[in-house]
Amino acid sequence: MRIQTTILIVLFSLVISSCAKTDTDVSACLTGHIYGFWEGLWHGIIAPAGLLYSLFDEHVHMYAPNNNGGWYALGFLFGSGGWGFMANKGTSRKKHA
């Protein structure tokens, strides 16, 4: 049953990703301000909202294409990792002996 579920998820992901538009012009995003650690941190924090908004507007992206590389990625990682940490704190329960 577990293998069937995994196969179904992979096939569904392939079908959904095959509908993605690939001819998007990102040249306007690659000029101007270069995003660094602090912007990456902010983009990581708002990633869930950015994901939902990007599903309905093709001009919105979760990850800034014009970034400085490793520092932006580290900030994004810390920002997006905070969501899982906060969710874990809210659902913890004490075990009674």
PDB file of N, CA and C in Angstrom:
ATOM      1  N   MET A   1       0.821  -1.196   0.000  1.00  0.00           N
ATOM      2  CA  MET A   1       0.000   0.000   0.000  1.00  0.00           C
ATOM      3  C   MET A   1       0.868   1.263   0.000  1.00  0.00           C
ATOM      4  N   ARG A   2       1.971   1.227   0.746  1.00  0.00           N
ATOM      5  CA  ARG A   2       2.832   2.398   0.833  1.00  0.00           C
ATOM      6  C   ARG A   2       3.522   2.673  -0.504  1.00  0.00           C
ATOM      7  N   ILE A   3       3.911   1.630  -1.219  1.00  0.00           N
ATOM      8  CA  ILE A   3       4.556   1.804  -2.527  1.00  0.00           C
ATOM      9  C   ILE A   3       3.559   2.370  -3.528  1.00  0.00           C
ATOM     10  N   GLN A   4       2.336   1.899  -3.478  1.00  0.00           N
ATOM     11  CA  GLN A   4       1.307   2.413  -4.384  1.00  0.00           C
ATOM     12  C   GLN A   4       1.046   3.898  -4.140  1.00  0.00           C
ATOM     13  N   THR A   5       1.029   4.293  -2.893  1.00  0.00           N
ATOM     14  CA  THR A   5       0.821   5.703  -2.562  1.00  0.00           C
ATOM     15  C   THR A   5       1.970   6.549  -3.077  1.00  0.00           C
ATOM     16  N   THR A   6       3.195   6.085  -2.902  1.00  0.00           N
ATOM     17  CA  THR A   6       4.368   6.814  -3.390  1.00  0.00           C
ATOM     18  C   THR A   6       4.338   6.953  -4.899  1.00  0.00           C
ATOM     19  N   ILE A   7       4.011   5.884  -5.595  1.00  0.00           N
ATOM     20  CA  ILE A   7       3.922   5.922  -7.062  1.00  0.00           C
ATOM     21  C   ILE A   7       2.835   6.889  -7.503  1.00  0.00           C
ATOM     22  N   LEU A   8       1.715   6.877  -6.825  1.00  0.00           N
ATOM     23  CA  LEU A   8       0.613   7.782  -7.157  1.00  0.00           C
ATOM     24  C   LEU A   8       1.017   9.242  -6.959  1.00  0.00           C
ATOM     25  N   ILE A   9       1.731   9.530  -5.887  1.00  0.00           N
ATOM     26  CA  ILE A   9       2.180  10.900  -5.631  1.00  0.00           C
ATOM     27  C   ILE A   9       3.172  11.349  -6.695  1.00  0.00           C
ATOM     28  N   VAL A  10       4.107  10.483  -7.069  1.00  0.00           N
ATOM     29  CA  VAL A  10       5.094  10.823  -8.098  1.00  0.00           C
ATOM     30  C   VAL A  10       4.408  11.066  -9.438  1.00  0.00           C
ATOM     31  N   LEU A  11       3.486  10.210  -9.822  1.00  0.00           N
ATOM     32  CA  LEU A  11       2.768  10.385 -11.085  1.00  0.00           C
ATOM     33  C   LEU A  11       1.936  11.665 -11.083  1.00  0.00           C
ATOM     34  N   PHE A  12       1.269  11.946  -9.974  1.00  0.00           N
ATOM     35  CA  PHE A  12       0.486  13.169  -9.870  1.00  0.00           C
ATOM     36  C   PHE A  12       1.382  14.395  -9.989  1.00  0.00           C
ATOM     37  N   SER A  13       2.544  14.353  -9.358  1.00  0.00           N
ATOM     38  CA  SER A  13       3.491  15.475  -9.438  1.00  0.00           C
ATOM     39  C   SER A  13       3.984  15.680 -10.862  1.00  0.00           C
ATOM     40  N   LEU A  14       4.246  14.602 -11.567  1.00  0.00           N
ATOM     41  CA  LEU A  14       4.686  14.711 -12.960  1.00  0.00           C
ATOM     42  C   LEU A  14       3.596  15.300 -13.847  1.00  0.00           C
ATOM     43  N   VAL A  15       2.371  14.885 -13.633  1.00  0.00           N
ATOM     44  CA  VAL A  15       1.264  15.409 -14.431  1.00  0.00           C
ATOM     45  C   VAL A  15       1.078  16.899 -14.165  1.00  0.00           C
ATOM     46  N   ILE A  16       1.109  17.294 -12.913  1.00  0.00           N
ATOM     47  CA  ILE A  16       0.929  18.703 -12.564  1.00  0.00           C
ATOM     48  C   ILE A  16       2.086  19.541 -13.095  1.00  0.00           C
ATOM     49  N   SER A  17       3.313  19.056 -12.968  1.00  0.00           N
ATOM     50  CA  SER A  17       4.461  19.840 -13.426  1.00  0.00           C
ATOM     51  C   SER A  17       4.531  19.920 -14.945  1.00  0.00           C
ATOM     52  N   SER A  18       3.911  19.004 -15.642  1.00  0.00           N
ATOM     53  CA  SER A  18       3.923  19.073 -17.103  1.00  0.00           C
ATOM     54  C   SER A  18       3.074  20.228 -17.621  1.00  0.00           C
ATOM     55  N   CYS A  19       2.219  20.777 -16.775  1.00  0.00           N
ATOM     56  CA  CYS A  19       1.392  21.909 -17.165  1.00  0.00           C
ATOM     57  C   CYS A  19       2.078  23.251 -16.922  1.00  0.00           C
ATOM     58  N   ALA A  20       3.274  23.229 -16.378  1.00  0.00           N
ATOM     59  CA  ALA A  20       3.968  24.474 -16.036  1.00  0.00           C
ATOM     60  C   ALA A  20       4.383  25.226 -17.294  1.00  0.00           C
ATOM     61  N   LYS A  21       4.235  26.528 -17.230  1.00  0.00           N
ATOM     62  CA  LYS A  21       4.618  27.392 -18.343  1.00  0.00           C
ATOM     63  C   LYS A  21       6.124  27.627 -18.272  1.00  0.00           C
ATOM     64  N   THR A  22       6.840  27.419 -19.367  1.00  0.00           N
ATOM     65  CA  THR A  22       8.303  27.498 -19.323  1.00  0.00           C
ATOM     66  C   THR A  22       8.871  28.673 -20.091  1.00  0.00           C
ATOM     67  N   ASP A  23       8.065  29.465 -20.765  1.00  0.00           N
ATOM     68  CA  ASP A  23       8.595  30.560 -21.567  1.00  0.00           C
ATOM     69  C   ASP A  23       8.458  31.920 -20.863  1.00  0.00           C
ATOM     70  N   THR A  24       8.541  31.920 -19.546  1.00  0.00           N
ATOM     71  CA  THR A  24       8.433  33.148 -18.769  1.00  0.00           C
ATOM     72  C   THR A  24       9.701  33.981 -18.930  1.00  0.00           C
ATOM     73  N   ASP A  25       9.535  35.253 -19.225  1.00  0.00           N
ATOM     74  CA  ASP A  25      10.663  36.168 -19.370  1.00  0.00           C
ATOM     75  C   ASP A  25      11.026  36.717 -17.999  1.00  0.00           C
ATOM     76  N   VAL A  26      12.210  36.364 -17.485  1.00  0.00           N
ATOM     77  CA  VAL A  26      12.646  36.824 -16.169  1.00  0.00           C
ATOM     78  C   VAL A  26      13.741  37.875 -16.272  1.00  0.00           C
ATOM     79  N   SER A  27      13.944  38.440 -17.454  1.00  0.00           N
ATOM     80  CA  SER A  27      15.015  39.423 -17.619  1.00  0.00           C
ATOM     81  C   SER A  27      14.794  40.659 -16.749  1.00  0.00           C
ATOM     82  N   ALA A  28      13.545  41.046 -16.518  1.00  0.00           N
ATOM     83  CA  ALA A  28      13.270  42.201 -15.664  1.00  0.00           C
ATOM     84  C   ALA A  28      13.650  41.910 -14.215  1.00  0.00           C
ATOM     85  N   CYS A  29      13.567  40.650 -13.796  1.00  0.00           N
ATOM     86  CA  CYS A  29      13.919  40.278 -12.424  1.00  0.00           C
ATOM     87  C   CYS A  29      15.425  40.234 -12.213  1.00  0.00           C
ATOM     88  N   LEU A  30      16.187  40.088 -13.274  1.00  0.00           N
ATOM     89  CA  LEU A  30      17.631  39.924 -13.139  1.00  0.00           C
ATOM     90  C   LEU A  30      18.396  41.237 -13.133  1.00  0.00           C
ATOM     91  N   THR A  31      17.698  42.341 -13.217  1.00  0.00           N
ATOM     92  CA  THR A  31      18.346  43.650 -13.150  1.00  0.00           C
ATOM     93  C   THR A  31      17.851  44.375 -11.912  1.00  0.00           C
ATOM     94  N   GLY A  32      18.620  45.305 -11.432  1.00  0.00           N
ATOM     95  CA  GLY A  32      18.197  46.092 -10.275  1.00  0.00           C
ATOM     96  C   GLY A  32      18.777  45.561  -8.988  1.00  0.00           C
ATOM     97  N   HIS A  33      17.969  45.608  -7.934  1.00  0.00           N
ATOM     98  CA  HIS A  33      18.414  45.262  -6.587  1.00  0.00           C
ATOM     99  C   HIS A  33      18.791  43.785  -6.486  1.00  0.00           C
ATOM    100  N   ILE A  34      19.944  43.504  -5.863  1.00  0.00           N
ATOM    101  CA  ILE A  34      20.363  42.126  -5.606  1.00  0.00           C
ATOM    102  C   ILE A  34      19.996  41.786  -4.169  1.00  0.00           C
ATOM    103  N   TYR A  35      19.262  40.703  -3.994  1.00  0.00           N
ATOM    104  CA  TYR A  35      18.769  40.314  -2.678  1.00  0.00           C
ATOM    105  C   TYR A  35      19.831  39.530  -1.922  1.00  0.00           C
ATOM    106  N   GLY A  36      19.967  39.806  -0.627  1.00  0.00           N
ATOM    107  CA  GLY A  36      20.965  39.166   0.220  1.00  0.00           C
ATOM    108  C   GLY A  36      20.335  38.358   1.337  1.00  0.00           C
ATOM    109  N   PHE A  37      21.080  38.192   2.427  1.00  0.00           N
ATOM    110  CA  PHE A  37      20.663  37.343   3.541  1.00  0.00           C
ATOM    111  C   PHE A  37      19.341  37.793   4.152  1.00  0.00           C
ATOM    112  N   TRP A  38      19.203  39.083   4.469  1.00  0.00           N
ATOM    113  CA  TRP A  38      18.013  39.554   5.173  1.00  0.00           C
ATOM    114  C   TRP A  38      16.768  39.457   4.315  1.00  0.00           C
ATOM    115  N   GLU A  39      16.908  39.725   3.025  1.00  0.00           N
ATOM    116  CA  GLU A  39      15.750  39.555   2.135  1.00  0.00           C
ATOM    117  C   GLU A  39      15.396  38.073   1.995  1.00  0.00           C
ATOM    118  N   GLY A  40      16.420  37.210   1.957  1.00  0.00           N
ATOM    119  CA  GLY A  40      16.175  35.769   1.908  1.00  0.00           C
ATOM    120  C   GLY A  40      15.463  35.273   3.142  1.00  0.00           C
ATOM    121  N   LEU A  41      15.858  35.816   4.306  1.00  0.00           N
ATOM    122  CA  LEU A  41      15.189  35.467   5.558  1.00  0.00           C
ATOM    123  C   LEU A  41      13.717  35.864   5.493  1.00  0.00           C
ATOM    124  N   TRP A  42      13.455  37.071   5.025  1.00  0.00           N
ATOM    125  CA  TRP A  42      12.069  37.539   4.911  1.00  0.00           C
ATOM    126  C   TRP A  42      11.285  36.699   3.907  1.00  0.00           C
ATOM    127  N   HIS A  43      11.879  36.387   2.771  1.00  0.00           N
ATOM    128  CA  HIS A  43      11.186  35.580   1.772  1.00  0.00           C
ATOM    129  C   HIS A  43      10.920  34.171   2.302  1.00  0.00           C
ATOM    130  N   GLY A  44      11.812  33.657   3.135  1.00  0.00           N
ATOM    131  CA  GLY A  44      11.569  32.351   3.745  1.00  0.00           C
ATOM    132  C   GLY A  44      10.413  32.382   4.721  1.00  0.00           C
ATOM    133  N   ILE A  45      10.314  33.467   5.481  1.00  0.00           N
ATOM    134  CA  ILE A  45       9.225  33.594   6.456  1.00  0.00           C
ATOM    135  C   ILE A  45       7.876  33.680   5.747  1.00  0.00           C
ATOM    136  N   ILE A  46       7.814  34.416   4.646  1.00  0.00           N
ATOM    137  CA  ILE A  46       6.535  34.584   3.952  1.00  0.00           C
ATOM    138  C   ILE A  46       6.347  33.554   2.830  1.00  0.00           C
ATOM    139  N   ALA A  47       7.181  32.518   2.799  1.00  0.00           N
ATOM    140  CA  ALA A  47       7.115  31.508   1.735  1.00  0.00           C
ATOM    141  C   ALA A  47       5.737  30.841   1.607  1.00  0.00           C
ATOM    142  N   PRO A  48       5.057  30.453   2.690  1.00  0.00           N
ATOM    143  CA  PRO A  48       3.736  29.836   2.511  1.00  0.00           C
ATOM    144  C   PRO A  48       2.740  30.756   1.799  1.00  0.00           C
ATOM    145  N   ALA A  49       2.736  32.041   2.180  1.00  0.00           N
ATOM    146  CA  ALA A  49       1.840  32.991   1.517  1.00  0.00           C
ATOM    147  C   ALA A  49       2.290  33.216   0.075  1.00  0.00           C
ATOM    148  N   GLY A  50       3.607  33.275  -0.145  1.00  0.00           N
ATOM    149  CA  GLY A  50       4.129  33.448  -1.499  1.00  0.00           C
ATOM    150  C   GLY A  50       3.772  32.280  -2.401  1.00  0.00           C
ATOM    151  N   LEU A  51       3.799  31.072  -1.849  1.00  0.00           N
ATOM    152  CA  LEU A  51       3.423  29.899  -2.637  1.00  0.00           C
ATOM    153  C   LEU A  51       1.965  29.974  -3.055  1.00  0.00           C
ATOM    154  N   LEU A  52       1.091  30.294  -2.129  1.00  0.00           N
ATOM    155  CA  LEU A  52      -0.338  30.387  -2.463  1.00  0.00           C
ATOM    156  C   LEU A  52      -0.593  31.478  -3.501  1.00  0.00           C
ATOM    157  N   TYR A  53       0.041  32.629  -3.317  1.00  0.00           N
ATOM    158  CA  TYR A  53      -0.165  33.735  -4.244  1.00  0.00           C
ATOM    159  C   TYR A  53       0.405  33.410  -5.619  1.00  0.00           C
ATOM    160  N   SER A  54       1.535  32.692  -5.670  1.00  0.00           N
ATOM    161  CA  SER A  54       2.141  32.366  -6.960  1.00  0.00           C
ATOM    162  C   SER A  54       1.309  31.366  -7.759  1.00  0.00           C
ATOM    163  N   LEU A  55       0.421  30.639  -7.095  1.00  0.00           N
ATOM    164  CA  LEU A  55      -0.457  29.713  -7.817  1.00  0.00           C
ATOM    165  C   LEU A  55      -1.482  30.445  -8.672  1.00  0.00           C
ATOM    166  N   PHE A  56      -1.821  31.676  -8.275  1.00  0.00           N
ATOM    167  CA  PHE A  56      -2.851  32.432  -8.965  1.00  0.00           C
ATOM    168  C   PHE A  56      -2.324  33.591  -9.802  1.00  0.00           C
ATOM    169  N   ASP A  57      -1.068  33.983  -9.590  1.00  0.00           N
ATOM    170  CA  ASP A  57      -0.484  35.097 -10.335  1.00  0.00           C
ATOM    171  C   ASP A  57       0.882  34.668 -10.861  1.00  0.00           C
ATOM    172  N   GLU A  58       1.027  34.615 -12.174  1.00  0.00           N
ATOM    173  CA  GLU A  58       2.272  34.115 -12.765  1.00  0.00           C
ATOM    174  C   GLU A  58       3.437  35.094 -12.625  1.00  0.00           C
ATOM    175  N   HIS A  59       3.186  36.303 -12.170  1.00  0.00           N
ATOM    176  CA  HIS A  59       4.248  37.288 -12.000  1.00  0.00           C
ATOM    177  C   HIS A  59       4.857  37.260 -10.593  1.00  0.00           C
ATOM    178  N   VAL A  60       4.344  36.404  -9.717  1.00  0.00           N
ATOM    179  CA  VAL A  60       4.840  36.300  -8.349  1.00  0.00           C
ATOM    180  C   VAL A  60       5.639  35.013  -8.226  1.00  0.00           C
ATOM    181  N   HIS A  61       6.819  35.109  -7.600  1.00  0.00           N
ATOM    182  CA  HIS A  61       7.681  33.951  -7.402  1.00  0.00           C
ATOM    183  C   HIS A  61       8.064  33.871  -5.935  1.00  0.00           C
ATOM    184  N   MET A  62       8.266  32.669  -5.412  1.00  0.00           N
ATOM    185  CA  MET A  62       8.640  32.488  -4.013  1.00  0.00           C
ATOM    186  C   MET A  62      10.092  32.860  -3.760  1.00  0.00           C
ATOM    187  N   TYR A  63      10.948  32.602  -4.692  1.00  0.00           N
ATOM    188  CA  TYR A  63      12.393  32.720  -4.529  1.00  0.00           C
ATOM    189  C   TYR A  63      12.879  33.789  -5.484  1.00  0.00           C
ATOM    190  N   ALA A  64      13.589  34.807  -4.980  1.00  0.00           N
ATOM    191  CA  ALA A  64      14.049  35.917  -5.822  1.00  0.00           C
ATOM    192  C   ALA A  64      15.117  35.441  -6.802  1.00  0.00           C
ATOM    193  N   PRO A  65      14.884  35.565  -8.103  1.00  0.00           N
ATOM    194  CA  PRO A  65      15.886  35.127  -9.071  1.00  0.00           C
ATOM    195  C   PRO A  65      17.149  35.994  -9.053  1.00  0.00           C
ATOM    196  N   ASN A  66      17.034  37.241  -8.670  1.00  0.00           N
ATOM    197  CA  ASN A  66      18.185  38.150  -8.645  1.00  0.00           C
ATOM    198  C   ASN A  66      18.731  38.212  -7.218  1.00  0.00           C
ATOM    199  N   ASN A  67      19.480  37.166  -6.816  1.00  0.00           N
ATOM    200  CA  ASN A  67      20.019  37.119  -5.458  1.00  0.00           C
ATOM    201  C   ASN A  67      21.524  36.909  -5.501  1.00  0.00           C
ATOM    202  N   ASN A  68      22.166  37.025  -4.350  1.00  0.00           N
ATOM    203  CA  ASN A  68      23.620  36.905  -4.310  1.00  0.00           C
ATOM    204  C   ASN A  68      24.099  35.488  -4.025  1.00  0.00           C
ATOM    205  N   GLY A  69      23.240  34.510  -4.168  1.00  0.00           N
ATOM    206  CA  GLY A  69      23.660  33.114  -4.049  1.00  0.00           C
ATOM    207  C   GLY A  69      23.522  32.547  -2.659  1.00  0.00           C
ATOM    208  N   GLY A  70      24.669  32.156  -2.090  1.00  0.00           N
ATOM    209  CA  GLY A  70      24.679  31.428  -0.825  1.00  0.00           C
ATOM    210  C   GLY A  70      24.065  32.164   0.350  1.00  0.00           C
ATOM    211  N   TRP A  71      24.327  33.458   0.476  1.00  0.00           N
ATOM    212  CA  TRP A  71      23.773  34.204   1.606  1.00  0.00           C
ATOM    213  C   TRP A  71      22.254  34.303   1.515  1.00  0.00           C
ATOM    214  N   TYR A  72      21.732  34.535   0.318  1.00  0.00           N
ATOM    215  CA  TYR A  72      20.277  34.583   0.149  1.00  0.00           C
ATOM    216  C   TYR A  72      19.673  33.209   0.465  1.00  0.00           C
ATOM    217  N   ALA A  73      20.303  32.162  -0.057  1.00  0.00           N
ATOM    218  CA  ALA A  73      19.788  30.808   0.175  1.00  0.00           C
ATOM    219  C   ALA A  73      19.815  30.452   1.657  1.00  0.00           C
ATOM    220  N   LEU A  74      20.866  30.865   2.376  1.00  0.00           N
ATOM    221  CA  LEU A  74      20.933  30.598   3.812  1.00  0.00           C
ATOM    222  C   LEU A  74      19.826  31.334   4.555  1.00  0.00           C
ATOM    223  N   GLY A  75      19.599  32.593   4.216  1.00  0.00           N
ATOM    224  CA  GLY A  75      18.508  33.339   4.837  1.00  0.00           C
ATOM    225  C   GLY A  75      17.156  32.713   4.539  1.00  0.00           C
ATOM    226  N   PHE A  76      16.956  32.275   3.292  1.00  0.00           N
ATOM    227  CA  PHE A  76      15.696  31.635   2.916  1.00  0.00           C
ATOM    228  C   PHE A  76      15.511  30.338   3.704  1.00  0.00           C
ATOM    229  N   LEU A  77      16.594  29.585   3.859  1.00  0.00           N
ATOM    230  CA  LEU A  77      16.533  28.332   4.612  1.00  0.00           C
ATOM    231  C   LEU A  77      16.157  28.577   6.066  1.00  0.00           C
ATOM    232  N   PHE A  78      16.804  29.559   6.700  1.00  0.00           N
ATOM    233  CA  PHE A  78      16.465  29.879   8.088  1.00  0.00           C
ATOM    234  C   PHE A  78      15.030  30.381   8.200  1.00  0.00           C
ATOM    235  N   GLY A  79      14.616  31.228   7.281  1.00  0.00           N
ATOM    236  CA  GLY A  79      13.263  31.768   7.326  1.00  0.00           C
ATOM    237  C   GLY A  79      12.198  30.705   7.124  1.00  0.00           C
ATOM    238  N   SER A  80      12.390  29.838   6.169  1.00  0.00           N
ATOM    239  CA  SER A  80      11.389  28.803   5.911  1.00  0.00           C
ATOM    240  C   SER A  80      11.454  27.689   6.941  1.00  0.00           C
ATOM    241  N   GLY A  81      12.611  27.460   7.545  1.00  0.00           N
ATOM    242  CA  GLY A  81      12.735  26.440   8.586  1.00  0.00           C
ATOM    243  C   GLY A  81      12.028  26.833   9.864  1.00  0.00           C
ATOM    244  N   GLY A  82      11.850  28.108  10.100  1.00  0.00           N
ATOM    245  CA  GLY A  82      11.161  28.578  11.293  1.00  0.00           C
ATOM    246  C   GLY A  82       9.715  28.140  11.360  1.00  0.00           C
ATOM    247  N   TRP A  83       9.084  27.946  10.220  1.00  0.00           N
ATOM    248  CA  TRP A  83       7.679  27.524  10.217  1.00  0.00           C
ATOM    249  C   TRP A  83       7.524  26.141  10.839  1.00  0.00           C
ATOM    250  N   GLY A  84       8.389  25.214  10.485  1.00  0.00           N
ATOM    251  CA  GLY A  84       8.320  23.874  11.062  1.00  0.00           C
ATOM    252  C   GLY A  84       8.632  23.872  12.547  1.00  0.00           C
ATOM    253  N   PHE A  85       9.564  24.704  12.965  1.00  0.00           N
ATOM    254  CA  PHE A  85       9.934  24.804  14.375  1.00  0.00           C
ATOM    255  C   PHE A  85       8.763  25.337  15.191  1.00  0.00           C
ATOM    256  N   MET A  86       8.099  26.378  14.685  1.00  0.00           N
ATOM    257  CA  MET A  86       6.964  26.945  15.415  1.00  0.00           C
ATOM    258  C   MET A  86       5.780  25.991  15.439  1.00  0.00           C
ATOM    259  N   ALA A  87       5.566  25.254  14.368  1.00  0.00           N
ATOM    260  CA  ALA A  87       4.458  24.308  14.336  1.00  0.00           C
ATOM    261  C   ALA A  87       4.693  23.182  15.333  1.00  0.00           C
ATOM    262  N   ASN A  88       5.945  22.764  15.496  1.00  0.00           N
ATOM    263  CA  ASN A  88       6.267  21.707  16.439  1.00  0.00           C
ATOM    264  C   ASN A  88       6.018  22.146  17.871  1.00  0.00           C
ATOM    265  N   LYS A  89       6.325  23.396  18.206  1.00  0.00           N
ATOM    266  CA  LYS A  89       6.109  23.893  19.558  1.00  0.00           C
ATOM    267  C   LYS A  89       4.626  23.955  19.912  1.00  0.00           C
ATOM    268  N   GLY A  90       3.791  24.239  18.940  1.00  0.00           N
ATOM    269  CA  GLY A  90       2.374  24.376  19.219  1.00  0.00           C
ATOM    270  C   GLY A  90       1.671  23.056  19.415  1.00  0.00           C
ATOM    271  N   THR A  91       2.223  21.960  18.918  1.00  0.00           N
ATOM    272  CA  THR A  91       1.551  20.676  18.999  1.00  0.00           C
ATOM    273  C   THR A  91       2.165  19.744  20.030  1.00  0.00           C
ATOM    274  N   SER A  92       3.165  20.206  20.774  1.00  0.00           N
ATOM    275  CA  SER A  92       3.804  19.313  21.750  1.00  0.00           C
ATOM    276  C   SER A  92       2.879  19.087  22.950  1.00  0.00           C
ATOM    277  N   ARG A  93       2.896  17.875  23.432  1.00  0.00           N
ATOM    278  CA  ARG A  93       2.099  17.508  24.606  1.00  0.00           C
ATOM    279  C   ARG A  93       2.987  16.812  25.608  1.00  0.00           C
ATOM    280  N   LYS A  94       2.654  16.979  26.865  1.00  0.00           N
ATOM    281  CA  LYS A  94       3.401  16.279  27.910  1.00  0.00           C
ATOM    282  C   LYS A  94       2.841  14.880  28.059  1.00  0.00           C
ATOM    283  N   LYS A  95       3.742  13.936  28.243  1.00  0.00           N
ATOM    284  CA  LYS A  95       3.318  12.551  28.479  1.00  0.00           C
ATOM    285  C   LYS A  95       3.221  12.321  29.985  1.00  0.00           C
ATOM    286  N   HIS A  96       2.147  11.722  30.381  1.00  0.00           N
ATOM    287  CA  HIS A  96       1.941  11.412  31.798  1.00  0.00           C
ATOM    288  C   HIS A  96       2.394   9.986  32.056  1.00  0.00           C
ATOM    289  N   ALA A  97       3.083   9.804  33.146  1.00  0.00           N
ATOM    290  CA  ALA A  97       3.604   8.475  33.493  1.00  0.00           C
ATOM    291  C   ALA A  97       2.572   7.612  34.139  1.00  0.00           C
TER     292      ALA A  97
END
